[in-house]
């Protein structure tokens, strides 16, 4: 009935409920490893309202591994933290997580975004048993598998940025050497799109390493592998000295 007068109540104060989780402002990629970017995180109630009374520390993590993000501790003021974040791990589905020190912790996860590797910085040598883990301190995980003298195994050499992320598109010639003077492997080979797999045999028992050097660009950092234990092979013949 349009002839009936409407009415409006007095203003009703609606305040946020207690902190329920953390919410990230959308992070737009692609980003570049090592280049700071500004992000904003809010402490919110279950309805997504910012809690202005929240003032505490929280931990910031990335799904690219331990040590792949700085800072790792942030301090909220009036329910919000805004600051520069540096991501070290590259990938196509990187996401950040924020969690506080309550039990159980209040958490929140960002949208997924792309982080591209930085410029070509050095080489990385991986042995059987090791997996690449860009963005971390060592750039790899796992334990090197012992090798029997004379048995063939595969060595992986990768072109990486300063945070151990694979840099595609690199086809430089690389030189190879080992602490085993009797090692069977090419003295040089070429990366193909930033990586090469090298069939290798080590013959000298004990702890040995393999080193890769960029022969096309002297400014690229060379890399020496982890130590691999070469185990004595089966009894084969008698040697008279």
Protein backbone atom coordinates (compact mmCIF):
# COMPACT_ATOMS: atom_id res chain seq x y z
CA UNK A 1 0.00 0.00 0.00
CA UNK A 2 1.96 2.96 -1.27
CA UNK A 3 -0.05 5.37 0.85
CA UNK A 4 1.39 3.90 4.07
CA UNK A 5 4.33 5.90 5.42
CA UNK A 6 7.62 3.99 5.85
CA UNK A 7 9.91 4.40 8.82
CA UNK A 8 13.60 3.84 9.63
CA UNK A 9 14.96 2.76 12.97
CA UNK A 10 17.65 4.56 14.88
CA UNK A 11 21.22 3.50 14.00
CA UNK A 12 22.26 0.11 15.38
CA UNK A 13 25.90 -0.28 16.42
CA UNK A 14 27.28 -3.53 14.97
CA UNK A 15 30.75 -4.47 16.23
CA UNK A 16 32.93 -7.34 14.98
CA UNK A 17 32.80 -10.60 16.88
CA UNK A 18 36.00 -12.13 18.22
CA UNK A 19 38.90 -12.91 15.88
CA UNK A 20 38.11 -16.03 13.87
CA UNK A 21 40.80 -16.18 11.16
CA UNK A 22 43.10 -14.11 8.97
CA UNK A 23 42.20 -12.76 5.53
CA UNK A 24 44.69 -11.74 2.82
CA UNK A 25 44.05 -9.02 0.30
CA UNK A 26 44.33 -10.61 -3.15
CA UNK A 27 47.95 -11.08 -4.28
CA UNK A 28 48.39 -10.50 -8.01
CA UNK A 29 51.13 -12.37 -9.85
CA UNK A 30 53.37 -13.08 -11.45
CA UNK A 31 55.94 -12.02 -8.87
CA UNK A 32 59.71 -12.53 -9.10
CA UNK A 33 61.76 -14.41 -6.54
CA UNK A 34 63.78 -11.98 -4.44
CA UNK A 35 61.76 -8.89 -5.40
CA UNK A 36 59.73 -7.48 -2.45
CA UNK A 37 55.99 -7.03 -2.83
CA UNK A 38 53.46 -5.35 -0.55
CA UNK A 39 50.75 -7.49 1.02
CA UNK A 40 47.98 -6.79 3.51
CA UNK A 41 46.59 -9.24 6.06
CA UNK A 42 43.57 -8.61 8.29
CA UNK A 43 42.43 -10.30 11.50
CA UNK A 44 38.72 -10.91 10.89
CA UNK A 45 35.66 -12.39 12.58
CA UNK A 46 33.62 -15.23 11.09
CA UNK A 47 31.78 -12.75 8.86
CA UNK A 48 34.99 -11.30 7.40
CA UNK A 49 34.84 -8.05 9.40
CA UNK A 50 38.19 -6.60 10.48
CA UNK A 51 38.67 -6.80 14.27
CA UNK A 52 40.14 -3.38 15.16
CA UNK A 53 41.13 -4.45 18.68
CA UNK A 54 43.43 -7.21 17.44
CA UNK A 55 47.09 -6.34 18.17
CA UNK A 56 49.39 -9.36 18.31
CA UNK A 57 52.20 -11.21 16.56
CA UNK A 58 51.59 -13.88 13.94
CA UNK A 59 53.72 -16.23 11.84
CA UNK A 60 53.91 -15.88 8.06
CA UNK A 61 54.71 -18.96 5.94
CA UNK A 62 54.91 -19.91 2.25
CA UNK A 63 54.12 -23.30 0.77
CA UNK A 64 57.48 -23.24 -1.02
CA UNK A 65 59.32 -24.46 2.09
CA UNK A 66 60.97 -23.37 5.30
CA UNK A 67 63.06 -20.22 4.92
CA UNK A 68 61.53 -19.31 1.55
CA UNK A 69 59.86 -16.11 2.79
CA UNK A 70 60.82 -13.00 4.76
CA UNK A 71 59.64 -11.76 7.16
CA UNK A 72 58.37 -14.78 9.05
CA UNK A 73 56.95 -12.81 12.00
CA UNK A 74 54.52 -9.90 11.61
CA UNK A 75 52.83 -7.64 14.17
CA UNK A 76 49.21 -6.56 13.71
CA UNK A 77 48.03 -3.07 14.63
CA UNK A 78 44.29 -2.32 14.81
CA UNK A 79 43.59 -5.67 13.20
CA UNK A 80 45.74 -5.14 10.11
CA UNK A 81 49.31 -5.74 8.92
CA UNK A 82 50.67 -4.25 5.70
CA UNK A 83 54.29 -4.64 4.68
CA UNK A 84 56.89 -5.77 2.17
CA UNK A 85 57.30 -9.51 1.74
CA UNK A 86 60.11 -11.20 -0.18
CA UNK A 87 59.41 -14.63 -1.65
CA UNK A 88 62.36 -16.84 -2.55
CA UNK A 89 60.65 -19.98 -3.87
CA UNK A 90 59.37 -19.97 -7.46
CA UNK A 91 56.30 -21.88 -8.59
CA UNK A 92 52.96 -21.68 -10.33
CA UNK A 93 50.78 -22.18 -7.25
CA UNK A 94 52.48 -20.30 -4.41
CA UNK A 95 50.32 -19.42 -1.41
CA UNK A 96 50.94 -17.77 1.96
CA UNK A 97 49.58 -18.77 5.35
CA UNK A 98 49.27 -16.64 8.48
CA UNK A 99 48.77 -18.18 11.93
CA UNK A 100 48.91 -16.82 15.46
CA UNK A 101 50.12 -18.32 18.73
CA UNK A 102 46.76 -19.30 20.19
CA UNK A 103 45.87 -22.95 20.78
CA UNK A 104 44.58 -24.04 18.36
CA UNK A 105 45.99 -21.27 16.18
CA UNK A 106 43.83 -18.98 14.11
CA UNK A 107 44.90 -19.30 10.49
CA UNK A 108 44.29 -17.88 7.04
CA UNK A 109 45.62 -18.66 3.55
CA UNK A 110 46.04 -16.36 0.57
CA UNK A 111 45.01 -16.99 -3.01
CA UNK A 112 47.46 -18.93 -5.20
CA UNK A 113 49.74 -16.95 -7.51
CA UNK A 114 52.83 -17.39 -9.68
CA UNK A 115 56.38 -16.57 -8.61
CA UNK A 116 58.95 -16.59 -11.43
CA UNK A 117 62.64 -17.37 -10.81
CA UNK A 118 65.16 -14.58 -10.63
CA UNK A 119 68.07 -14.13 -13.08
CA UNK A 120 70.54 -16.94 -13.80
CA UNK A 121 73.02 -16.95 -10.93
CA UNK A 122 74.68 -20.36 -10.61
CA UNK A 123 74.62 -24.11 -11.13
CA UNK A 124 73.28 -26.87 -8.91
CA UNK A 125 74.44 -30.51 -8.88
CA UNK A 126 71.97 -33.09 -7.58
CA UNK A 127 72.82 -36.73 -6.84
CA UNK A 128 70.49 -39.75 -6.57
CA UNK A 129 68.41 -39.47 -3.40
CA UNK A 130 68.28 -35.66 -3.54
CA UNK A 131 65.32 -33.55 -4.67
CA UNK A 132 65.42 -29.91 -5.74
CA UNK A 133 63.78 -27.55 -3.25
CA UNK A 134 64.05 -24.00 -4.58
CA UNK A 135 63.70 -21.09 -2.20
CA UNK A 136 65.29 -22.88 0.76
CA UNK A 137 68.77 -22.42 2.25
CA UNK A 138 70.36 -25.50 0.66
CA UNK A 139 68.07 -25.73 -2.36
CA UNK A 140 67.55 -29.45 -1.94
CA UNK A 141 66.25 -32.17 0.34
CA UNK A 142 66.81 -35.88 0.79
CA UNK A 143 69.80 -38.09 1.51
CA UNK A 144 72.38 -39.08 -1.09
CA UNK A 145 72.21 -42.74 -2.06
CA UNK A 146 75.46 -44.72 -1.77
CA UNK A 147 76.88 -45.92 -5.10
CA UNK A 148 78.80 -49.06 -5.95
CA UNK A 149 82.15 -48.54 -7.68
CA UNK A 150 81.72 -48.83 -11.43
CA UNK A 151 77.91 -48.79 -11.42
CA UNK A 152 76.16 -46.16 -13.52
CA UNK A 153 73.91 -43.52 -11.93
CA UNK A 154 72.47 -40.19 -13.06
CA UNK A 155 73.68 -36.75 -11.98
CA UNK A 156 71.39 -33.74 -12.54
CA UNK A 157 72.87 -30.30 -13.23
CA UNK A 158 70.51 -27.32 -13.15
CA UNK A 159 70.74 -23.61 -13.94
CA UNK A 160 69.39 -21.76 -10.91
CA UNK A 161 68.81 -18.27 -9.55
CA UNK A 162 70.35 -17.19 -6.25
CA UNK A 163 67.54 -18.98 -4.39
CA UNK A 164 68.07 -22.35 -6.14
CA UNK A 165 65.02 -22.02 -8.42
CA UNK A 166 65.37 -23.58 -11.88
CA UNK A 167 65.92 -20.93 -14.57
CA UNK A 168 64.56 -22.22 -17.90
CA UNK A 169 65.92 -21.20 -21.29
CA UNK A 170 69.61 -21.60 -20.35
CA UNK A 171 71.67 -23.69 -22.80
CA UNK A 172 75.22 -22.91 -21.64
CA UNK A 173 78.12 -25.33 -21.98
CA UNK A 174 79.22 -26.70 -18.62
CA UNK A 175 82.40 -28.45 -17.52
CA UNK A 176 82.41 -31.42 -15.14
CA UNK A 177 85.06 -32.69 -12.75
CA UNK A 178 85.24 -35.00 -9.74
CA UNK A 179 87.42 -35.81 -6.76
CA UNK A 180 87.54 -39.25 -8.37
CA UNK A 181 90.20 -38.90 -11.07
CA UNK A 182 88.91 -42.13 -12.63
CA UNK A 183 85.29 -40.94 -12.89
CA UNK A 184 83.49 -41.88 -16.11
CA UNK A 185 81.48 -38.91 -17.32
CA UNK A 186 81.78 -36.29 -20.05
CA UNK A 187 84.27 -33.51 -19.36
CA UNK A 188 81.74 -31.05 -20.75
CA UNK A 189 78.13 -31.00 -21.91
CA UNK A 190 75.31 -28.53 -22.52
CA UNK A 191 72.31 -27.53 -20.48
CA UNK A 192 69.01 -27.93 -22.33
CA UNK A 193 66.39 -25.45 -21.20
CA UNK A 194 68.23 -25.05 -17.89
CA UNK A 195 68.90 -28.70 -17.04
CA UNK A 196 70.84 -31.79 -18.09
CA UNK A 197 70.91 -35.42 -16.90
CA UNK A 198 74.38 -36.97 -16.97
CA UNK A 199 75.11 -40.74 -16.85
CA UNK A 200 78.04 -41.16 -14.46
CA UNK A 201 80.25 -43.89 -13.02
CA UNK A 202 82.60 -43.39 -10.08
CA UNK A 203 85.37 -45.91 -9.52
CA UNK A 204 87.34 -44.71 -6.52
CA UNK A 205 85.92 -45.90 -3.20
CA UNK A 206 85.25 -43.47 -0.36
CA UNK A 207 83.53 -40.09 -0.26
CA UNK A 208 83.54 -38.34 -3.63
CA UNK A 209 82.04 -35.16 -5.11
CA UNK A 210 81.24 -33.81 -8.57
CA UNK A 211 81.65 -30.15 -9.60
CA UNK A 212 79.95 -28.29 -12.45
CA UNK A 213 81.31 -25.06 -13.97
CA UNK A 214 79.75 -22.77 -16.59
CA UNK A 215 82.23 -22.58 -19.49
CA UNK A 216 80.33 -19.84 -21.35
CA UNK A 217 79.93 -17.35 -18.52
CA UNK A 218 82.62 -16.94 -15.88
CA UNK A 219 80.33 -14.87 -13.63
CA UNK A 220 78.03 -17.86 -13.02
CA UNK A 221 78.69 -19.59 -9.71
CA UNK A 222 79.94 -23.16 -9.99
CA UNK A 223 78.63 -25.83 -7.65
CA UNK A 224 79.99 -28.92 -5.96
CA UNK A 225 77.68 -31.79 -5.13
CA UNK A 226 77.10 -33.33 -1.76
CA UNK A 227 79.49 -36.13 -0.86
CA UNK A 228 78.52 -39.56 -2.16
CA UNK A 229 79.93 -42.72 -0.62
CA UNK A 230 81.35 -45.01 -3.31
CA UNK A 231 81.29 -48.57 -2.00
CA UNK A 232 83.96 -51.09 -3.04
CA UNK A 233 82.72 -53.44 -5.75
CA UNK A 234 82.87 -57.26 -5.60
CA UNK A 235 86.20 -59.08 -5.72
CA UNK A 236 87.18 -59.22 -9.39
CA UNK A 237 90.92 -59.88 -9.81
CA UNK A 238 94.34 -60.03 -8.18
CA UNK A 239 96.83 -57.18 -8.63
CA UNK A 240 100.59 -57.88 -8.33
CA UNK A 241 102.73 -54.83 -7.54
